[in-house]
Protein backbone atom coordinates (compact mmCIF):
# COMPACT_ATOMS: atom_id res chain seq x y z
CA MET A 1 -94.52 45.59 57.04
CA GLY A 2 -91.12 46.49 58.37
CA GLN A 3 -90.64 43.08 59.93
CA GLN A 4 -91.42 41.42 56.60
CA LYS A 5 -88.76 43.57 54.90
CA LYS A 6 -86.24 42.66 57.56
CA ARG A 7 -87.04 38.96 57.18
CA SER A 8 -86.67 39.14 53.34
CA ARG A 9 -83.35 40.97 53.72
CA LEU A 10 -82.13 38.25 56.11
CA VAL A 11 -83.17 35.45 53.76
CA MET A 12 -81.37 37.12 50.86
CA THR A 13 -78.25 37.67 52.93
CA ILE A 14 -78.22 34.04 54.08
CA GLY A 15 -78.72 32.87 50.48
CA ALA A 16 -75.89 35.05 49.25
CA VAL A 17 -73.62 33.74 51.98
CA VAL A 18 -74.51 30.15 51.10
CA LEU A 19 -73.85 30.74 47.40
CA VAL A 20 -70.53 32.45 48.05
CA GLY A 21 -69.53 29.70 50.48
CA GLY A 22 -70.50 27.02 47.97
CA ALA A 23 -68.54 28.74 45.23
CA LEU A 24 -65.49 29.06 47.45
CA ALA A 25 -65.79 25.46 48.57
CA GLY A 26 -66.09 24.31 44.96
CA ALA A 27 -63.13 26.40 43.93
CA PHE A 28 -60.82 25.17 46.67
CA TRP A 29 -62.13 21.61 46.99
CA PRO A 30 -59.37 19.07 46.02
CA ARG A 31 -59.94 17.80 42.47
CA ALA A 32 -58.73 14.61 40.83
CA ILE A 33 -55.50 15.09 38.84
CA LEU A 34 -55.78 14.06 35.21
CA VAL A 35 -53.11 11.49 34.33
CA ASP A 36 -52.24 8.89 31.68
CA MET A 37 -52.56 5.30 32.83
CA ALA A 38 -51.42 1.90 31.62
CA VAL A 39 -52.00 -1.66 32.74
CA VAL A 40 -49.33 -4.07 33.95
CA GLN A 41 -49.30 -6.98 31.52
CA GLN A 42 -47.74 -10.40 31.24
CA GLY A 43 -46.33 -11.60 27.93
CA PRO A 44 -43.29 -11.76 25.65
CA MET A 45 -40.54 -9.16 25.98
CA ILE A 46 -37.24 -8.52 24.19
CA VAL A 47 -34.27 -6.23 24.80
CA THR A 48 -32.53 -5.03 21.67
CA ILE A 49 -29.60 -2.88 20.63
CA ASN A 50 -30.76 -0.58 17.85
CA GLU A 51 -28.41 0.92 15.28
CA GLU A 52 -28.31 2.14 11.71
CA ALA A 53 -26.45 -0.17 9.34
CA ARG A 54 -25.67 -0.72 5.68
CA THR A 55 -25.71 -3.68 3.36
CA GLN A 56 -22.63 -4.93 1.56
CA VAL A 57 -21.45 -7.83 -0.55
CA ARG A 58 -19.28 -10.07 1.58
CA GLU A 59 -16.61 -10.67 -1.09
CA PRO A 60 -16.60 -7.98 -3.78
CA TYR A 61 -14.15 -8.40 -6.65
CA VAL A 62 -12.30 -5.38 -8.02
CA VAL A 63 -11.23 -5.68 -11.67
CA SER A 64 -7.93 -3.79 -12.01
CA ALA A 65 -5.59 -2.98 -14.87
CA PRO A 66 -3.26 -6.00 -15.18
CA VAL A 67 -0.54 -3.88 -16.82
CA ALA A 68 -0.02 -0.21 -17.53
CA GLY A 69 -2.04 0.58 -20.64
CA GLU A 70 -4.79 2.53 -22.35
CA LEU A 71 -8.27 1.67 -21.07
CA GLN A 72 -11.01 1.77 -23.69
CA ARG A 73 -14.36 3.29 -22.77
CA VAL A 74 -16.18 0.92 -20.40
CA SER A 75 -19.57 -0.01 -21.83
CA VAL A 76 -21.00 -2.04 -18.94
CA LEU A 77 -23.22 -0.31 -16.38
CA PRO A 78 -23.87 -0.89 -12.66
CA GLY A 79 -26.59 -3.48 -12.21
CA GLU A 80 -25.73 -5.57 -15.27
CA LYS A 81 -25.29 -9.32 -14.84
CA VAL A 82 -21.95 -10.89 -15.79
CA VAL A 83 -20.77 -14.47 -16.19
CA LYS A 84 -17.44 -15.71 -14.89
CA GLY A 85 -14.84 -16.08 -17.63
CA GLU A 86 -17.26 -15.13 -20.41
CA THR A 87 -18.44 -11.53 -20.08
CA VAL A 88 -15.86 -8.98 -21.25
CA VAL A 89 -16.18 -6.03 -18.86
CA ALA A 90 -13.35 -3.86 -20.22
CA GLN A 91 -10.73 -3.61 -22.96
CA MET A 92 -7.13 -2.38 -22.66
CA ARG A 93 -4.57 -1.48 -25.30
CA PRO A 94 -0.81 -1.03 -24.99
CA VAL A 95 0.04 2.46 -23.88
CA ASN A 96 1.45 4.85 -26.50
CA PRO A 97 5.02 6.09 -26.00
CA SER A 98 5.50 9.54 -24.59
CA ALA A 99 6.53 12.59 -26.61
CA LEU A 100 10.29 13.24 -26.98
CA ASP A 101 11.79 16.62 -26.26
CA ILE A 102 14.85 17.88 -28.14
CA ARG A 103 17.38 16.77 -25.55
CA THR A 104 15.89 13.28 -25.22
CA ARG A 105 15.75 12.85 -29.01
CA GLU A 106 19.40 13.94 -29.39
CA GLN A 107 20.43 11.52 -26.64
CA ALA A 108 18.51 8.73 -28.38
CA LEU A 109 20.16 9.56 -31.74
CA ALA A 110 23.59 9.51 -30.10
CA ALA A 111 22.79 6.12 -28.59
CA VAL A 112 21.77 4.83 -32.04
CA ASN A 113 25.03 6.05 -33.59
CA ALA A 114 27.03 4.44 -30.79
CA ALA A 115 25.16 1.16 -31.21
CA GLU A 116 25.78 1.18 -34.99
CA ALA A 117 29.50 1.81 -34.40
CA ALA A 118 29.65 -1.00 -31.84
CA LEU A 119 27.96 -3.30 -34.38
CA ARG A 120 30.59 -2.48 -37.00
CA VAL A 121 33.35 -3.19 -34.47
CA ALA A 122 31.75 -6.52 -33.68
CA GLN A 123 31.54 -7.41 -37.37
CA ALA A 124 35.24 -6.54 -37.79
CA ASP A 125 36.08 -8.74 -34.81
CA LEU A 126 34.13 -11.54 -36.47
CA ASN A 127 36.11 -11.19 -39.69
CA ALA A 128 39.37 -11.28 -37.72
CA ALA A 129 38.19 -14.33 -35.78
CA ILE A 130 37.23 -16.12 -39.01
CA ALA A 131 40.66 -15.36 -40.51
CA ASN A 132 42.41 -16.68 -37.41
CA SER A 133 40.24 -19.76 -37.47
CA ASP A 134 41.03 -20.47 -41.14
CA PHE A 135 44.77 -20.05 -40.49
CA SER A 136 44.60 -22.33 -37.43
CA GLN A 137 42.85 -25.02 -39.47
CA SER A 138 45.57 -24.84 -42.14
CA GLU A 139 48.27 -25.08 -39.47
CA LEU A 140 46.51 -28.09 -37.98
CA GLU A 141 46.35 -29.87 -41.36
CA ARG A 142 50.06 -29.28 -41.97
CA ALA A 143 50.90 -30.49 -38.48
CA ASN A 144 48.94 -33.69 -39.07
CA GLN A 145 50.83 -34.37 -42.32
CA LEU A 146 54.19 -33.75 -40.72
CA VAL A 147 53.35 -36.04 -37.84
CA GLU A 148 52.49 -38.82 -40.29
CA ARG A 149 55.95 -38.37 -41.87
CA ARG A 150 57.49 -38.43 -38.41
CA ILE A 151 58.94 -34.99 -38.93
CA PHE A 152 56.69 -33.16 -36.36
CA SER A 153 56.39 -34.11 -32.70
CA GLN A 154 53.17 -35.18 -31.02
CA VAL A 155 53.32 -32.16 -28.69
CA ALA A 156 53.43 -29.74 -31.61
CA GLN A 157 50.39 -31.46 -33.15
CA GLU A 158 48.40 -31.09 -29.92
CA ARG A 159 49.39 -27.40 -29.71
CA ALA A 160 48.06 -26.85 -33.24
CA GLN A 161 44.79 -28.60 -32.34
CA GLN A 162 44.39 -26.34 -29.29
CA GLU A 163 44.98 -23.20 -31.34
CA ALA A 164 42.37 -24.35 -33.90
CA ARG A 165 39.74 -24.92 -31.20
CA VAL A 166 40.46 -21.55 -29.59
CA ALA A 167 40.10 -19.88 -32.99
CA GLU A 168 36.68 -21.57 -33.50
CA ALA A 169 35.58 -20.39 -30.05
CA ASN A 170 36.63 -16.85 -30.93
CA VAL A 171 34.40 -17.04 -34.03
CA ASP A 172 31.42 -18.06 -31.87
CA THR A 173 32.19 -15.25 -29.43
CA ALA A 174 32.31 -12.72 -32.24
CA LYS A 175 28.96 -13.93 -33.60
CA ALA A 176 27.38 -13.63 -30.14
CA ALA A 177 28.80 -10.10 -29.81
CA ILE A 178 27.19 -9.18 -33.14
CA ALA A 179 23.80 -10.48 -31.96
CA MET A 180 24.19 -8.45 -28.76
CA ARG A 181 25.14 -5.29 -30.67
CA GLU A 182 22.16 -5.74 -33.02
CA ALA A 183 19.83 -5.98 -30.02
CA GLU A 184 21.39 -2.83 -28.53
CA LEU A 185 20.86 -1.04 -31.83
CA LYS A 186 17.16 -2.02 -31.90
CA ASN A 187 16.78 -0.86 -28.31
CA ALA A 188 18.42 2.48 -29.12
CA ARG A 189 16.20 2.96 -32.17
CA ALA A 190 13.11 2.11 -30.08
CA HIS A 191 13.88 5.06 -27.80
CA LEU A 192 13.36 7.31 -30.80
CA ILE A 193 9.70 6.26 -31.13
CA GLY A 194 7.29 8.94 -29.88
CA PHE A 195 3.51 8.87 -29.67
CA GLU A 196 3.42 10.51 -33.12
CA ASP A 197 5.85 8.06 -34.75
CA TYR A 198 3.48 5.20 -35.53
CA GLY A 199 5.08 4.82 -38.97
CA LEU A 200 8.52 4.36 -37.44
CA ALA A 201 7.16 1.81 -34.97
CA LYS A 202 5.51 -0.13 -37.80
CA ALA A 203 8.75 -0.03 -39.81
CA LEU A 204 10.71 -1.44 -36.87
CA VAL A 205 8.04 -4.01 -35.93
CA PRO A 206 5.88 -4.80 -39.00
CA ASP A 207 3.17 -6.66 -37.08
CA VAL A 208 2.51 -3.86 -34.59
CA SER A 209 -1.18 -2.84 -34.38
CA ARG A 210 -2.70 -0.09 -32.27
CA SER A 211 -6.05 -1.83 -32.44
CA HIS A 212 -4.74 -4.86 -30.55
CA SER A 213 -6.49 -4.94 -27.18
CA ILE A 214 -6.47 -7.06 -24.02
CA PRO A 215 -9.96 -8.22 -22.98
CA LEU A 216 -10.67 -8.20 -19.23
CA LYS A 217 -13.28 -10.82 -18.32
CA ALA A 218 -15.48 -11.06 -15.25
CA PRO A 219 -13.75 -12.98 -12.41
CA ILE A 220 -17.07 -14.17 -10.94
CA THR A 221 -20.70 -14.59 -11.88
CA GLY A 222 -22.58 -11.69 -10.33
CA THR A 223 -23.61 -8.07 -10.78
CA ILE A 224 -21.65 -4.93 -11.64
CA LEU A 225 -21.66 -2.91 -8.41
CA LYS A 226 -19.65 0.16 -9.32
CA VAL A 227 -17.67 1.48 -12.29
CA MET A 228 -14.68 3.54 -11.13
CA GLN A 229 -13.26 4.32 -14.58
CA LYS A 230 -15.87 5.00 -17.27
CA SER A 231 -14.06 7.09 -19.89
CA GLU A 232 -11.09 6.11 -22.03
CA THR A 233 -7.90 6.88 -20.15
CA THR A 234 -4.36 5.71 -19.45
CA LEU A 235 -3.99 3.66 -16.28
CA PRO A 236 -1.02 2.34 -14.33
CA ALA A 237 -0.86 -1.33 -13.41
CA GLY A 238 -3.18 -2.21 -10.53
CA GLU A 239 -5.54 0.76 -10.96
CA PRO A 240 -9.16 -0.34 -10.13
CA ILE A 241 -11.62 -0.19 -13.03
CA LEU A 242 -14.88 -1.65 -11.69
CA GLU A 243 -16.30 -3.75 -8.86
CA ILE A 244 -18.34 -6.95 -9.16
CA GLY A 245 -20.27 -8.82 -6.46
CA ASP A 246 -22.88 -11.50 -5.96
CA ILE A 247 -25.84 -9.56 -4.54
CA GLU A 248 -28.21 -12.52 -4.58
CA GLY A 249 -26.14 -14.98 -2.57
CA ASP A 250 -23.45 -12.94 -0.84
CA LEU A 251 -25.27 -9.97 0.71
CA GLU A 252 -24.80 -9.15 4.39
CA ILE A 253 -25.28 -6.25 6.82
CA VAL A 254 -22.59 -4.32 8.69
CA ALA A 255 -23.54 -2.26 11.75
CA GLU A 256 -21.15 0.00 13.67
CA LEU A 257 -22.11 -0.53 17.31
CA LEU A 258 -20.91 1.46 20.29
CA SER A 259 -18.26 -0.55 22.07
CA SER A 260 -20.37 -0.55 25.25
CA ASP A 261 -23.20 -2.16 23.24
CA ALA A 262 -20.95 -4.55 21.33
CA VAL A 263 -19.83 -6.28 24.54
CA GLN A 264 -23.45 -7.37 25.10
CA VAL A 265 -23.71 -9.00 21.67
CA VAL A 266 -22.54 -12.55 20.97
CA THR A 267 -22.30 -14.50 17.75
CA GLY A 268 -25.61 -16.18 17.01
CA ASN A 269 -27.88 -13.44 18.41
CA ARG A 270 -30.90 -13.01 16.20
CA ALA A 271 -31.57 -9.61 14.66
CA LEU A 272 -34.51 -7.76 13.13
CA ILE A 273 -33.86 -5.66 10.02
CA THR A 274 -36.31 -2.75 9.87
CA ASN A 275 -36.89 0.43 7.83
CA TRP A 276 -35.22 -1.09 4.78
CA GLY A 277 -38.03 -0.13 2.41
CA GLY A 278 -40.11 -3.32 2.47
CA THR A 279 -43.52 -3.93 3.95
CA SER A 280 -42.28 -6.25 6.70
CA ASP A 281 -39.18 -6.75 8.83
CA LEU A 282 -36.45 -9.17 7.81
CA ALA A 283 -34.74 -11.71 10.05
CA GLY A 284 -30.99 -12.00 10.52
CA GLN A 285 -28.32 -13.45 12.74
CA VAL A 286 -25.06 -12.02 14.08
CA SER A 287 -22.18 -13.83 12.35
CA ARG A 288 -19.12 -11.83 13.38
CA ILE A 289 -18.05 -9.18 15.89
CA ASP A 290 -14.74 -7.51 15.10
CA PRO A 291 -12.20 -7.78 17.94
CA TYR A 292 -11.05 -4.17 17.56
CA GLY A 293 -12.77 -0.81 17.73
CA PHE A 294 -12.20 2.46 15.91
CA THR A 295 -12.84 6.10 16.71
CA LYS A 296 -15.72 7.86 15.00
CA TYR A 297 -17.22 11.30 15.54
CA SER A 298 -20.98 11.63 15.79
CA ALA A 299 -23.04 14.34 14.09
CA LEU A 300 -22.70 16.39 17.29
CA GLY A 301 -18.92 16.06 17.24
CA ILE A 302 -18.77 13.54 20.09
CA GLU A 303 -15.91 11.06 19.95
CA GLU A 304 -17.19 7.48 20.03
CA GLN A 305 -15.61 4.04 19.93
CA ARG A 306 -17.37 1.86 17.37
CA VAL A 307 -17.13 -1.85 16.59
CA GLU A 308 -18.16 -3.38 13.26
CA THR A 309 -20.69 -6.19 13.64
CA THR A 310 -21.74 -8.39 10.72
CA ILE A 311 -25.26 -9.79 10.36
CA GLN A 312 -26.33 -12.48 7.90
CA PHE A 313 -29.80 -12.67 6.40
CA THR A 314 -31.79 -15.75 7.44
CA ASP A 315 -34.90 -15.04 5.38
CA PRO A 316 -35.16 -16.37 1.80
CA GLU A 317 -33.61 -14.20 -0.87
CA LYS A 318 -36.98 -13.38 -2.44
CA GLU A 319 -38.08 -11.63 0.79
CA ARG A 320 -35.37 -8.96 0.35
CA GLY A 321 -36.86 -7.47 -2.82
CA ASN A 322 -34.42 -5.16 -4.60
CA LEU A 323 -32.13 -4.64 -1.60
CA GLY A 324 -28.63 -4.08 -2.96
CA HIS A 325 -25.06 -3.23 -2.02
CA GLY A 326 -24.54 -0.15 0.20
CA TYR A 327 -28.22 0.34 1.14
CA ARG A 328 -29.21 1.88 4.49
CA VAL A 329 -31.17 -0.27 6.97
CA GLU A 330 -31.84 -0.33 10.70
CA VAL A 331 -31.06 -3.35 12.83
CA ARG A 332 -32.36 -4.45 16.22
CA ILE A 333 -30.06 -7.05 17.74
CA VAL A 334 -31.83 -9.13 20.38
CA VAL A 335 -29.61 -9.52 23.46
CA TRP A 336 -32.32 -10.81 25.83
CA GLU A 337 -35.84 -12.19 25.39
CA THR A 338 -38.49 -14.19 27.20
CA GLN A 339 -42.00 -15.31 26.41
CA ASP A 340 -43.40 -14.84 29.92
CA ALA A 341 -42.49 -11.59 31.62
CA MET A 342 -44.39 -9.21 33.86
CA ILE A 343 -44.22 -5.96 31.89
CA VAL A 344 -44.56 -2.42 33.18
CA PRO A 345 -44.06 0.65 30.95
CA SER A 346 -40.67 2.29 31.47
CA SER A 347 -42.37 5.70 31.51
CA ALA A 348 -44.11 4.77 34.78
CA LEU A 349 -40.83 4.24 36.64
CA PHE A 350 -38.99 6.82 38.70
CA ARG A 351 -36.33 6.78 41.38
CA GLN A 352 -37.32 6.78 45.04
CA ASN A 353 -34.01 7.17 46.86
CA ARG A 354 -32.06 4.19 45.53
CA ASP A 355 -35.07 2.11 44.58
CA TRP A 356 -37.42 2.09 41.64
CA ALA A 357 -41.01 3.08 42.29
CA VAL A 358 -44.32 3.63 40.50
CA PHE A 359 -47.67 5.18 41.29
CA ALA A 360 -50.31 2.49 41.15
CA VAL A 361 -53.97 3.52 40.91
CA VAL A 362 -56.06 2.04 43.77
CA ASP A 363 -59.70 3.19 44.19
CA GLY A 364 -59.03 6.30 42.15
CA ARG A 365 -56.02 7.37 44.22
CA ALA A 366 -52.30 7.36 43.44
CA THR A 367 -50.54 4.82 45.64
CA LEU A 368 -46.74 4.80 45.86
CA ARG A 369 -45.25 1.33 45.29
CA ARG A 370 -41.62 0.30 45.42
CA VAL A 371 -40.81 -2.23 42.68
CA SER A 372 -37.93 -4.44 41.61
CA ILE A 373 -36.92 -4.20 37.95
CA GLY A 374 -34.98 -6.61 35.76
CA GLN A 375 -34.39 -5.95 32.06
CA ASN A 376 -35.37 -2.63 30.52
CA ASN A 377 -35.52 -1.86 26.80
CA GLY A 378 -36.47 1.79 27.17
CA VAL A 379 -40.15 1.17 26.37
CA ASP A 380 -41.03 -1.70 28.68
CA ALA A 381 -39.38 -3.00 31.83
CA GLN A 382 -39.36 -6.48 33.33
CA LEU A 383 -41.17 -6.35 36.67
CA LEU A 384 -39.76 -8.78 39.22
CA GLU A 385 -41.89 -7.82 42.22
CA GLY A 386 -44.12 -5.06 43.57
CA LEU A 387 -47.15 -5.27 41.24
CA LYS A 388 -49.50 -7.81 39.75
CA ALA A 389 -50.83 -8.26 36.25
CA GLY A 390 -53.88 -6.11 35.58
CA GLU A 391 -52.99 -3.29 37.99
CA GLN A 392 -52.98 0.24 36.67
CA VAL A 393 -49.97 2.53 36.89
CA ILE A 394 -49.54 6.22 36.11
CA LEU A 395 -47.39 7.15 33.14
CA PHE A 396 -45.01 10.11 33.31
CA PRO A 397 -45.85 11.01 36.94
CA SER A 398 -45.24 14.69 37.68
CA ALA A 399 -43.27 16.02 40.61
CA ASN A 400 -46.50 17.46 42.09
CA LEU A 401 -48.17 14.07 42.35
CA GLY A 402 -48.18 12.68 45.85
CA ASP A 403 -49.15 9.45 47.55
CA GLY A 404 -52.91 9.24 48.13
CA GLN A 405 -53.96 12.02 45.76
CA ARG A 406 -57.07 11.49 43.69
CA VAL A 407 -56.40 10.84 39.99
CA ALA A 408 -58.50 10.37 36.90
CA GLN A 409 -57.83 9.07 33.41
CA ARG A 410 -57.08 11.84 30.92
CA GLN A 411 -59.42 11.61 27.99
CA THR A 412 -57.79 11.47 24.58
CA GLU A 413 -59.53 12.73 21.50
């Protein structure tokens, strides 16, 4: 009986030892590391420079005030169609004179009095010139009669003729002086006109009309882009009123590229216009790269050198929908592309000393491979050598992963 108890105790002890040993072995036995995997593929690949951009009309026309005047309320609205030389987009009237203070009015009255006095002097000079001319004509007639009688010399006759012509010239000079003094008087009286003296202005110039306006017509056939001056106001010459452009046939895209990116772009590179609001991407082509850069601060306050790059649409106009002037888009300028590249995900690459390397999956184990990389667009990289199409690589390899460790595909829900 005692031996049987000893044997049972031994069996139980051995079983407990085996269970504990199995549990410890299972706990410390090397397990496969769960990783994300991808397959090396062969196919088309592109490298692009991505940047936010905006649309703009290539040649907008700004309608400005041709002269200083009073702009009437602008009735056209942004988005309306206009026809060159036909559609009246704004109306301008002559500007009203300014108000006169007491000193200015007294100075203007003094100028009027002086102009009236100068006119009277000129009229008196005219009367004197006419009298001298009449006397010179009488002297000339008497000289002619005396010459016929051979009493007067030929020299005296010529002197009388000269004096008569000089007297006639003095009459013409006096008449011109009167015309000049009359103009000065009108100018002096005009300085008395204030914005409240419409009756005086009409008395001086009977055909004056405050309702007379200057129509401003559209310089091109297109669409109203922006109205700078909507309300009635007084404008100086050259002040912009509204902007007109041809959205349908003259729309382009301007992107501000980093200077380090702009040096990789050449005229003629194709571009993809994305996130513009449509259901599909639009096609474009780089038409111009500005030869100068400018400083711009990013949202984080970092100083950057930017270069304006212009892109033309190559898709038909109907594909752009309602895309207009000043709209935000995103562009992807293609700087390199091929239809037959060995592609490995960029997230599988890491630096091994000075070389690029990946962890390939061979028989369920991570195998370190050194690779040679060509172009890299941040998502995919061009594989030149080191792997073959169809091989699996580990994405985002951790620092704890080593060569030869067992790995398994992480299951995604």
